[in-house]
């Protein structure tokens, strides 16, 4: 239930891969069916999937998980009907799908990253009453002997449902967040407020674009457009000098792992692992 509260929605196989990757399917499906009988979770059947189910919390399930330790800093919200669930399904499940290779990589490499180190739909103010909503914020600790390296990333998942230009504009929004300074409330004299993102992060997270839903040639063109925006827009160029920016194709991440040389640095250079951008 905590995993559903955190990720909004997930299929049976995704929950197994996330929580019990070596267990039989029934290890996850049986508890889910019991929770459904108690009115705490429900599912929608995915179209053209031979009956595969996408599970989500009911209102009662969301109220119960609100008091779970993992959820106290991020109250869950319920999806109250199968119709509402179906409207969110494609994008939400693709974001979960993007998380799974990182979780598998961490298990394989002995790094620290689990189900609660990936938080979907995190909003940040960027000024003028506007907000940037990251598809996910990831926390990941690379362990190399006695050395621990803490990494954070904003993750944007692109299913090729928007124009390439609109996708590239997301880089401008991240550049605005990087520069945005929160204005102090209730002070008459000017003060130095500092960058707003320092409220949440000691360093500005790297920005990772994960692309899917089209031919490799089309996805390559979209990555080229992201690189062009990085080179041509003055605010994004400043961001790129301070923050690692990268893009990769989801199928490559799944096949070779996110620690493989599959990430294209948007500021230029050869593909490399995401931690080395």
C-alpha atoms as a PDB file:
ATOM      1  CA  UNK A   1       0.000   0.000   0.000  1.00  0.00           C
ATOM      2  CA  UNK A   2       2.906   2.362   0.694  1.00  0.00           C
ATOM      3  CA  UNK A   3       4.301   1.655  -2.764  1.00  0.00           C
ATOM      4  CA  UNK A   4       0.936   2.472  -4.365  1.00  0.00           C
ATOM      5  CA  UNK A   5       0.664   5.633  -2.286  1.00  0.00           C
ATOM      6  CA  UNK A   6       4.147   6.678  -3.392  1.00  0.00           C
ATOM      7  CA  UNK A   7       3.855   5.807  -7.091  1.00  0.00           C
ATOM      8  CA  UNK A   8       0.124   6.595  -7.554  1.00  0.00           C
ATOM      9  CA  UNK A   9      -0.454   3.455  -9.610  1.00  0.00           C
ATOM     10  CA  UNK A  10       1.408   0.302 -10.675  1.00  0.00           C
ATOM     11  CA  UNK A  11       0.764  -3.020 -12.356  1.00  0.00           C
ATOM     12  CA  UNK A  12       1.120  -6.322 -10.518  1.00  0.00           C
ATOM     13  CA  UNK A  13       4.390  -7.082 -12.288  1.00  0.00           C
ATOM     14  CA  UNK A  14       5.760  -3.596 -11.583  1.00  0.00           C
ATOM     15  CA  UNK A  15       5.001  -3.969  -7.873  1.00  0.00           C
ATOM     16  CA  UNK A  16       6.733  -7.344  -7.874  1.00  0.00           C
ATOM     17  CA  UNK A  17       9.806  -5.959  -9.663  1.00  0.00           C
ATOM     18  CA  UNK A  18       9.906  -3.042  -7.248  1.00  0.00           C
ATOM     19  CA  UNK A  19       9.286  -4.879  -3.969  1.00  0.00           C
ATOM     20  CA  UNK A  20       9.971  -8.603  -4.421  1.00  0.00           C
ATOM     21  CA  UNK A  21      11.794  -9.060  -7.746  1.00  0.00           C
ATOM     22  CA  UNK A  22      12.704 -12.716  -7.142  1.00  0.00           C
ATOM     23  CA  UNK A  23       9.330 -13.776  -5.766  1.00  0.00           C
ATOM     24  CA  UNK A  24       6.525 -15.551  -7.579  1.00  0.00           C
ATOM     25  CA  UNK A  25       3.749 -13.396  -9.010  1.00  0.00           C
ATOM     26  CA  UNK A  26       1.277 -14.719  -6.415  1.00  0.00           C
ATOM     27  CA  UNK A  27       3.434 -13.227  -3.646  1.00  0.00           C
ATOM     28  CA  UNK A  28       2.184  -9.825  -4.765  1.00  0.00           C
ATOM     29  CA  UNK A  29      -1.142 -10.591  -6.453  1.00  0.00           C
ATOM     30  CA  UNK A  30      -2.640 -12.473  -3.492  1.00  0.00           C
ATOM     31  CA  UNK A  31      -2.204  -9.605  -0.982  1.00  0.00           C
ATOM     32  CA  UNK A  32      -3.500  -7.156  -3.583  1.00  0.00           C
ATOM     33  CA  UNK A  33      -6.680  -9.174  -4.024  1.00  0.00           C
ATOM     34  CA  UNK A  34      -7.162  -9.332  -0.245  1.00  0.00           C
ATOM     35  CA  UNK A  35      -6.708  -5.564   0.020  1.00  0.00           C
ATOM     36  CA  UNK A  36      -9.267  -5.105  -2.742  1.00  0.00           C
ATOM     37  CA  UNK A  37     -11.772  -7.235  -0.827  1.00  0.00           C
ATOM     38  CA  UNK A  38     -11.277  -4.886   2.122  1.00  0.00           C
ATOM     39  CA  UNK A  39     -11.917  -1.834  -0.073  1.00  0.00           C
ATOM     40  CA  UNK A  40      -8.399  -0.432   0.280  1.00  0.00           C
ATOM     41  CA  UNK A  41      -7.180  -0.831  -3.311  1.00  0.00           C
ATOM     42  CA  UNK A  42      -8.792  -1.228  -6.696  1.00  0.00           C
ATOM     43  CA  UNK A  43      -7.615  -1.748 -10.263  1.00  0.00           C
ATOM     44  CA  UNK A  44      -8.335  -0.848 -13.842  1.00  0.00           C
ATOM     45  CA  UNK A  45      -7.779  -3.373 -16.640  1.00  0.00           C
ATOM     46  CA  UNK A  46      -5.272  -2.125 -19.168  1.00  0.00           C
ATOM     47  CA  UNK A  47      -6.463  -2.108 -22.790  1.00  0.00           C
ATOM     48  CA  UNK A  48      -4.877  -4.641 -25.143  1.00  0.00           C
ATOM     49  CA  UNK A  49      -3.017  -6.297 -22.286  1.00  0.00           C
ATOM     50  CA  UNK A  50      -4.698  -9.700 -21.863  1.00  0.00           C
ATOM     51  CA  UNK A  51      -6.266  -8.566 -18.611  1.00  0.00           C
ATOM     52  CA  UNK A  52      -3.267  -6.917 -16.932  1.00  0.00           C
ATOM     53  CA  UNK A  53      -4.279  -4.784 -13.961  1.00  0.00           C
ATOM     54  CA  UNK A  54      -3.108  -1.358 -12.857  1.00  0.00           C
ATOM     55  CA  UNK A  55      -3.636  -1.013  -9.104  1.00  0.00           C
ATOM     56  CA  UNK A  56      -4.310   2.156  -7.123  1.00  0.00           C
ATOM     57  CA  UNK A  57      -5.507   3.163  -3.661  1.00  0.00           C
ATOM     58  CA  UNK A  58      -9.149   3.825  -2.903  1.00  0.00           C
ATOM     59  CA  UNK A  59     -10.165   6.760  -0.745  1.00  0.00           C
ATOM     60  CA  UNK A  60     -10.116   4.531   2.329  1.00  0.00           C
ATOM     61  CA  UNK A  61      -6.706   3.154   1.375  1.00  0.00           C
ATOM     62  CA  UNK A  62      -5.316   6.663   0.948  1.00  0.00           C
ATOM     63  CA  UNK A  63      -6.639   7.704   4.354  1.00  0.00           C
ATOM     64  CA  UNK A  64      -5.022   4.668   5.969  1.00  0.00           C
ATOM     65  CA  UNK A  65      -1.603   5.171   4.347  1.00  0.00           C
ATOM     66  CA  UNK A  66      -1.561   8.843   5.305  1.00  0.00           C
ATOM     67  CA  UNK A  67      -0.286   7.788   8.744  1.00  0.00           C
ATOM     68  CA  UNK A  68       2.379   5.395   7.450  1.00  0.00           C
ATOM     69  CA  UNK A  69       5.918   6.601   8.348  1.00  0.00           C
ATOM     70  CA  UNK A  70       7.023   6.671   4.707  1.00  0.00           C
ATOM     71  CA  UNK A  71       4.070   8.897   3.775  1.00  0.00           C
ATOM     72  CA  UNK A  72       4.044  11.488   6.556  1.00  0.00           C
ATOM     73  CA  UNK A  73       5.960  14.051   4.538  1.00  0.00           C
ATOM     74  CA  UNK A  74       3.917  13.375   1.401  1.00  0.00           C
ATOM     75  CA  UNK A  75       0.208  12.621   1.931  1.00  0.00           C
ATOM     76  CA  UNK A  76      -1.187  10.301  -0.767  1.00  0.00           C
ATOM     77  CA  UNK A  77      -4.219  11.131  -2.824  1.00  0.00           C
ATOM     78  CA  UNK A  78      -6.847   8.612  -3.881  1.00  0.00           C
ATOM     79  CA  UNK A  79      -7.956   7.783  -7.387  1.00  0.00           C
ATOM     80  CA  UNK A  80     -11.628   7.294  -6.812  1.00  0.00           C
ATOM     81  CA  UNK A  81     -12.812   5.332  -9.820  1.00  0.00           C
ATOM     82  CA  UNK A  82     -11.632   3.085 -12.611  1.00  0.00           C
ATOM     83  CA  UNK A  83     -12.522   5.841 -15.084  1.00  0.00           C
ATOM     84  CA  UNK A  84     -10.303   8.358 -13.309  1.00  0.00           C
ATOM     85  CA  UNK A  85      -7.573   5.748 -13.079  1.00  0.00           C
ATOM     86  CA  UNK A  86      -7.681   5.089 -16.792  1.00  0.00           C
ATOM     87  CA  UNK A  87      -7.157   8.786 -17.535  1.00  0.00           C
ATOM     88  CA  UNK A  88      -3.870   8.744 -15.617  1.00  0.00           C
ATOM     89  CA  UNK A  89      -2.726   5.258 -16.475  1.00  0.00           C
ATOM     90  CA  UNK A  90      -0.405   5.599 -19.477  1.00  0.00           C
ATOM     91  CA  UNK A  91       1.843   8.342 -18.161  1.00  0.00           C
ATOM     92  CA  UNK A  92       1.855   7.143 -14.544  1.00  0.00           C
ATOM     93  CA  UNK A  93       2.804   3.590 -15.488  1.00  0.00           C
ATOM     94  CA  UNK A  94       5.544   4.829 -17.811  1.00  0.00           C
ATOM     95  CA  UNK A  95       7.037   6.856 -14.953  1.00  0.00           C
ATOM     96  CA  UNK A  96       7.023   3.696 -12.808  1.00  0.00           C
ATOM     97  CA  UNK A  97       8.563   1.818 -15.716  1.00  0.00           C
ATOM     98  CA  UNK A  98      11.366   4.399 -15.821  1.00  0.00           C
ATOM     99  CA  UNK A  99      12.012   3.862 -12.113  1.00  0.00           C
ATOM    100  CA  UNK A 100      12.411   0.084 -12.297  1.00  0.00           C
ATOM    101  CA  UNK A 101      15.812   0.004 -14.109  1.00  0.00           C
ATOM    102  CA  UNK A 102      17.310   2.330 -11.486  1.00  0.00           C
ATOM    103  CA  UNK A 103      16.022   0.100  -8.687  1.00  0.00           C
ATOM    104  CA  UNK A 104      17.357  -3.008 -10.438  1.00  0.00           C
ATOM    105  CA  UNK A 105      20.729  -1.334 -11.058  1.00  0.00           C
ATOM    106  CA  UNK A 106      21.012  -0.373  -7.397  1.00  0.00           C
ATOM    107  CA  UNK A 107      20.365  -3.964  -6.293  1.00  0.00           C
ATOM    108  CA  UNK A 108      22.891  -5.319  -8.771  1.00  0.00           C
ATOM    109  CA  UNK A 109      25.620  -2.799  -7.937  1.00  0.00           C
ATOM    110  CA  UNK A 110      25.086  -2.634  -4.180  1.00  0.00           C
ATOM    111  CA  UNK A 111      23.981   1.005  -4.246  1.00  0.00           C
ATOM    112  CA  UNK A 112      21.293   2.582  -2.074  1.00  0.00           C
ATOM    113  CA  UNK A 113      18.030   3.244  -3.878  1.00  0.00           C
ATOM    114  CA  UNK A 114      14.624   1.798  -3.127  1.00  0.00           C
ATOM    115  CA  UNK A 115      10.894   2.283  -3.683  1.00  0.00           C
ATOM    116  CA  UNK A 116      10.729   5.408  -1.501  1.00  0.00           C
ATOM    117  CA  UNK A 117      13.673   7.129  -3.169  1.00  0.00           C
ATOM    118  CA  UNK A 118      11.572   8.009  -6.224  1.00  0.00           C
ATOM    119  CA  UNK A 119       8.848  10.621  -5.686  1.00  0.00           C
ATOM    120  CA  UNK A 120       6.466  11.361  -8.571  1.00  0.00           C
ATOM    121  CA  UNK A 121       4.905  14.725  -9.378  1.00  0.00           C
ATOM    122  CA  UNK A 122       6.955  17.101  -7.261  1.00  0.00           C
ATOM    123  CA  UNK A 123       6.010  20.768  -7.655  1.00  0.00           C
ATOM    124  CA  UNK A 124       8.363  23.750  -7.279  1.00  0.00           C
ATOM    125  CA  UNK A 125       7.637  27.479  -7.663  1.00  0.00           C
ATOM    126  CA  UNK A 126       9.447  29.246 -10.499  1.00  0.00           C
ATOM    127  CA  UNK A 127       8.062  32.754 -10.053  1.00  0.00           C
ATOM    128  CA  UNK A 128       5.148  34.794 -11.428  1.00  0.00           C
ATOM    129  CA  UNK A 129       2.704  32.402  -9.782  1.00  0.00           C
ATOM    130  CA  UNK A 130       3.906  29.489 -11.927  1.00  0.00           C
ATOM    131  CA  UNK A 131       5.100  26.043 -10.881  1.00  0.00           C
ATOM    132  CA  UNK A 132       7.313  23.393 -12.393  1.00  0.00           C
ATOM    133  CA  UNK A 133       6.054  19.857 -11.726  1.00  0.00           C
ATOM    134  CA  UNK A 134       8.792  17.265 -12.183  1.00  0.00           C
ATOM    135  CA  UNK A 135       7.574  13.837 -13.266  1.00  0.00           C
ATOM    136  CA  UNK A 136       9.765  12.435 -10.489  1.00  0.00           C
ATOM    137  CA  UNK A 137      12.535  13.366  -8.092  1.00  0.00           C
ATOM    138  CA  UNK A 138      15.081  10.593  -7.536  1.00  0.00           C
ATOM    139  CA  UNK A 139      17.505  10.115  -4.634  1.00  0.00           C
ATOM    140  CA  UNK A 140      20.326   7.641  -5.239  1.00  0.00           C
ATOM    141  CA  UNK A 141      23.513   6.850  -3.311  1.00  0.00           C
ATOM    142  CA  UNK A 142      26.440   5.373  -5.216  1.00  0.00           C
ATOM    143  CA  UNK A 143      28.614   3.200  -2.954  1.00  0.00           C
ATOM    144  CA  UNK A 144      32.208   2.520  -3.973  1.00  0.00           C
ATOM    145  CA  UNK A 145      34.012   0.793  -1.130  1.00  0.00           C
ATOM    146  CA  UNK A 146      34.010   3.245   1.778  1.00  0.00           C
ATOM    147  CA  UNK A 147      33.029   6.147  -0.472  1.00  0.00           C
ATOM    148  CA  UNK A 148      29.381   7.239  -0.644  1.00  0.00           C
ATOM    149  CA  UNK A 149      28.203   9.657  -3.310  1.00  0.00           C
ATOM    150  CA  UNK A 150      24.693  11.056  -2.929  1.00  0.00           C
ATOM    151  CA  UNK A 151      22.992  11.968  -6.195  1.00  0.00           C
ATOM    152  CA  UNK A 152      19.646  13.571  -6.922  1.00  0.00           C
ATOM    153  CA  UNK A 153      17.831  13.958 -10.204  1.00  0.00           C
ATOM    154  CA  UNK A 154      14.750  15.535 -11.682  1.00  0.00           C
ATOM    155  CA  UNK A 155      13.303  12.981 -14.107  1.00  0.00           C
ATOM    156  CA  UNK A 156      11.126  13.969 -17.060  1.00  0.00           C
ATOM    157  CA  UNK A 157       9.406  11.098 -18.887  1.00  0.00           C
ATOM    158  CA  UNK A 158       8.449  11.868 -22.494  1.00  0.00           C
ATOM    159  CA  UNK A 159       6.042   9.519 -24.281  1.00  0.00           C
ATOM    160  CA  UNK A 160       6.127  11.584 -27.498  1.00  0.00           C
ATOM    161  CA  UNK A 161       2.655  12.945 -26.746  1.00  0.00           C
ATOM    162  CA  UNK A 162       3.751  16.598 -26.993  1.00  0.00           C
ATOM    163  CA  UNK A 163       5.663  18.471 -29.658  1.00  0.00           C
ATOM    164  CA  UNK A 164       9.432  18.383 -29.567  1.00  0.00           C
ATOM    165  CA  UNK A 165       9.474  22.132 -28.957  1.00  0.00           C
ATOM    166  CA  UNK A 166       7.210  21.849 -25.924  1.00  0.00           C
ATOM    167  CA  UNK A 167       9.468  19.146 -24.537  1.00  0.00           C
ATOM    168  CA  UNK A 168      12.526  21.350 -24.967  1.00  0.00           C
ATOM    169  CA  UNK A 169      10.738  24.215 -23.193  1.00  0.00           C
ATOM    170  CA  UNK A 170      10.897  22.105 -20.027  1.00  0.00           C
ATOM    171  CA  UNK A 171      14.592  22.992 -19.959  1.00  0.00           C
ATOM    172  CA  UNK A 172      13.685  26.672 -19.694  1.00  0.00           C
ATOM    173  CA  UNK A 173      11.443  25.885 -16.730  1.00  0.00           C
ATOM    174  CA  UNK A 174      14.304  24.107 -14.974  1.00  0.00           C
ATOM    175  CA  UNK A 175      16.567  27.069 -15.735  1.00  0.00           C
ATOM    176  CA  UNK A 176      13.957  29.356 -14.161  1.00  0.00           C
ATOM    177  CA  UNK A 177      13.813  27.147 -11.067  1.00  0.00           C
ATOM    178  CA  UNK A 178      17.600  27.253 -10.850  1.00  0.00           C
ATOM    179  CA  UNK A 179      17.572  31.072 -10.838  1.00  0.00           C
ATOM    180  CA  UNK A 180      14.377  31.669  -8.865  1.00  0.00           C
ATOM    181  CA  UNK A 181      14.838  33.442  -5.551  1.00  0.00           C
ATOM    182  CA  UNK A 182      12.005  33.193  -3.050  1.00  0.00           C
ATOM    183  CA  UNK A 183      10.911  36.566  -1.759  1.00  0.00           C
ATOM    184  CA  UNK A 184      10.745  36.864   2.031  1.00  0.00           C
ATOM    185  CA  UNK A 185       7.302  37.522   3.453  1.00  0.00           C
ATOM    186  CA  UNK A 186       6.551  40.370   5.827  1.00  0.00           C
ATOM    187  CA  UNK A 187       9.858  42.250   5.481  1.00  0.00           C
ATOM    188  CA  UNK A 188       9.950  45.905   4.519  1.00  0.00           C
ATOM    189  CA  UNK A 189      13.663  46.157   3.864  1.00  0.00           C
ATOM    190  CA  UNK A 190      15.330  44.245   1.052  1.00  0.00           C
ATOM    191  CA  UNK A 191      17.181  41.119   2.106  1.00  0.00           C
ATOM    192  CA  UNK A 192      19.122  38.494   0.214  1.00  0.00           C
ATOM    193  CA  UNK A 193      16.605  35.650  -0.037  1.00  0.00           C
ATOM    194  CA  UNK A 194      18.753  33.036  -1.785  1.00  0.00           C
ATOM    195  CA  UNK A 195      17.787  30.420  -4.304  1.00  0.00           C
ATOM    196  CA  UNK A 196      14.420  28.830  -3.523  1.00  0.00           C
ATOM    197  CA  UNK A 197      15.557  25.289  -4.382  1.00  0.00           C
ATOM    198  CA  UNK A 198      17.960  25.344  -1.417  1.00  0.00           C
ATOM    199  CA  UNK A 199      14.907  24.740   0.770  1.00  0.00           C
ATOM    200  CA  UNK A 200      14.836  21.162  -0.536  1.00  0.00           C
ATOM    201  CA  UNK A 201      18.259  20.283  -2.000  1.00  0.00           C
ATOM    202  CA  UNK A 202      21.866  20.974  -0.960  1.00  0.00           C
ATOM    203  CA  UNK A 203      22.806  20.865  -4.652  1.00  0.00           C
ATOM    204  CA  UNK A 204      20.546  21.410  -7.630  1.00  0.00           C
ATOM    205  CA  UNK A 205      19.536  17.939  -8.911  1.00  0.00           C
ATOM    206  CA  UNK A 206      20.694  16.850 -12.338  1.00  0.00           C
ATOM    207  CA  UNK A 207      17.963  16.789 -14.993  1.00  0.00           C
ATOM    208  CA  UNK A 208      17.288  13.517 -16.833  1.00  0.00           C
ATOM    209  CA  UNK A 209      14.956  13.153 -19.811  1.00  0.00           C
ATOM    210  CA  UNK A 210      13.689   9.618 -20.503  1.00  0.00           C
ATOM    211  CA  UNK A 211      12.123   9.230 -23.950  1.00  0.00           C
ATOM    212  CA  UNK A 212       9.909   6.509 -25.425  1.00  0.00           C
ATOM    213  CA  UNK A 213       6.854   6.008 -27.611  1.00  0.00           C
ATOM    214  CA  UNK A 214       8.304   6.554 -31.087  1.00  0.00           C
ATOM    215  CA  UNK A 215      10.868   5.251 -33.550  1.00  0.00           C
ATOM    216  CA  UNK A 216      14.530   5.493 -32.631  1.00  0.00           C
ATOM    217  CA  UNK A 217      15.040   8.097 -35.362  1.00  0.00           C
ATOM    218  CA  UNK A 218      12.258  10.290 -34.020  1.00  0.00           C
ATOM    219  CA  UNK A 219      13.493   9.966 -30.458  1.00  0.00           C
ATOM    220  CA  UNK A 220      16.981  10.878 -31.655  1.00  0.00           C
ATOM    221  CA  UNK A 221      15.562  14.031 -33.234  1.00  0.00           C
ATOM    222  CA  UNK A 222      13.915  14.975 -29.949  1.00  0.00           C
ATOM    223  CA  UNK A 223      17.220  14.542 -28.127  1.00  0.00           C
ATOM    224  CA  UNK A 224      18.857  16.758 -30.767  1.00  0.00           C
ATOM    225  CA  UNK A 225      16.225  19.424 -30.097  1.00  0.00           C
ATOM    226  CA  UNK A 226      17.001  19.251 -26.381  1.00  0.00           C
ATOM    227  CA  UNK A 227      20.692  19.743 -27.153  1.00  0.00           C
ATOM    228  CA  UNK A 228      19.865  22.684 -29.420  1.00  0.00           C
ATOM    229  CA  UNK A 229      17.825  24.346 -26.669  1.00  0.00           C
ATOM    230  CA  UNK A 230      20.736  23.838 -24.278  1.00  0.00           C
ATOM    231  CA  UNK A 231      23.139  25.517 -26.682  1.00  0.00           C
ATOM    232  CA  UNK A 232      20.902  28.355 -27.880  1.00  0.00           C
ATOM    233  CA  UNK A 233      18.880  29.551 -24.902  1.00  0.00           C
ATOM    234  CA  UNK A 234      20.944  31.795 -22.605  1.00  0.00           C
ATOM    235  CA  UNK A 235      19.244  30.701 -19.357  1.00  0.00           C
ATOM    236  CA  UNK A 236      19.545  27.009 -20.230  1.00  0.00           C
ATOM    237  CA  UNK A 237      23.181  27.493 -21.211  1.00  0.00           C
ATOM    238  CA  UNK A 238      23.868  28.891 -17.731  1.00  0.00           C
ATOM    239  CA  UNK A 239      22.041  25.928 -16.185  1.00  0.00           C
ATOM    240  CA  UNK A 240      24.103  23.486 -18.254  1.00  0.00           C
ATOM    241  CA  UNK A 241      27.358  24.973 -16.976  1.00  0.00           C
ATOM    242  CA  UNK A 242      26.305  24.237 -13.386  1.00  0.00           C
ATOM    243  CA  UNK A 243      24.004  21.198 -13.602  1.00  0.00           C
ATOM    244  CA  UNK A 244      24.419  17.864 -15.444  1.00  0.00           C
ATOM    245  CA  UNK A 245      21.724  17.445 -18.102  1.00  0.00           C
ATOM    246  CA  UNK A 246      21.127  14.215 -20.020  1.00  0.00           C
ATOM    247  CA  UNK A 247      18.650  12.289 -22.147  1.00  0.00           C
ATOM    248  CA  UNK A 248      18.227   8.590 -22.886  1.00  0.00           C
ATOM    249  CA  UNK A 249      15.782   6.236 -24.587  1.00  0.00           C
ATOM    250  CA  UNK A 250      13.785   4.176 -22.108  1.00  0.00           C
ATOM    251  CA  UNK A 251      14.279   0.923 -23.992  1.00  0.00           C
ATOM    252  CA  UNK A 252      18.060   1.437 -23.846  1.00  0.00           C
ATOM    253  CA  UNK A 253      17.892   2.011 -20.105  1.00  0.00           C
ATOM    254  CA  UNK A 254      15.883  -1.187 -19.687  1.00  0.00           C
ATOM    255  CA  UNK A 255      18.245  -3.228 -21.871  1.00  0.00           C
ATOM    256  CA  UNK A 256      21.633  -1.895 -20.730  1.00  0.00           C
ATOM    257  CA  UNK A 257      20.812  -0.355 -17.357  1.00  0.00           C
ATOM    258  CA  UNK A 258      20.964   3.344 -16.467  1.00  0.00           C
ATOM    259  CA  UNK A 259      24.597   2.868 -15.439  1.00  0.00           C
ATOM    260  CA  UNK A 260      25.421   1.961 -19.039  1.00  0.00           C
ATOM    261  CA  UNK A 261      26.679   4.508 -21.576  1.00  0.00           C
ATOM    262  CA  UNK A 262      23.173   5.348 -22.799  1.00  0.00           C
ATOM    263  CA  UNK A 263      22.787   8.983 -21.639  1.00  0.00           C
ATOM    264  CA  UNK A 264      23.447  11.760 -24.125  1.00  0.00           C
ATOM    265  CA  UNK A 265      24.891  14.851 -22.363  1.00  0.00           C
ATOM    266  CA  UNK A 266      22.768  17.792 -23.493  1.00  0.00           C
ATOM    267  CA  UNK A 267      25.744  20.134 -23.214  1.00  0.00           C
ATOM    268  CA  UNK A 268      27.708  17.965 -25.674  1.00  0.00           C
ATOM    269  CA  UNK A 269      29.881  14.883 -25.562  1.00  0.00           C
ATOM    270  CA  UNK A 270      29.629  11.141 -25.995  1.00  0.00           C
ATOM    271  CA  UNK A 271      26.977   8.969 -24.263  1.00  0.00           C
ATOM    272  CA  UNK A 272      27.870   7.898 -20.740  1.00  0.00           C
ATOM    273  CA  UNK A 273      26.303   6.581 -17.500  1.00  0.00           C
ATOM    274  CA  UNK A 274      23.858   8.946 -15.828  1.00  0.00           C
ATOM    275  CA  UNK A 275      26.067   9.372 -12.746  1.00  0.00           C
ATOM    276  CA  UNK A 276      28.943  10.545 -14.990  1.00  0.00           C
ATOM    277  CA  UNK A 277      27.087  13.288 -16.859  1.00  0.00           C
END
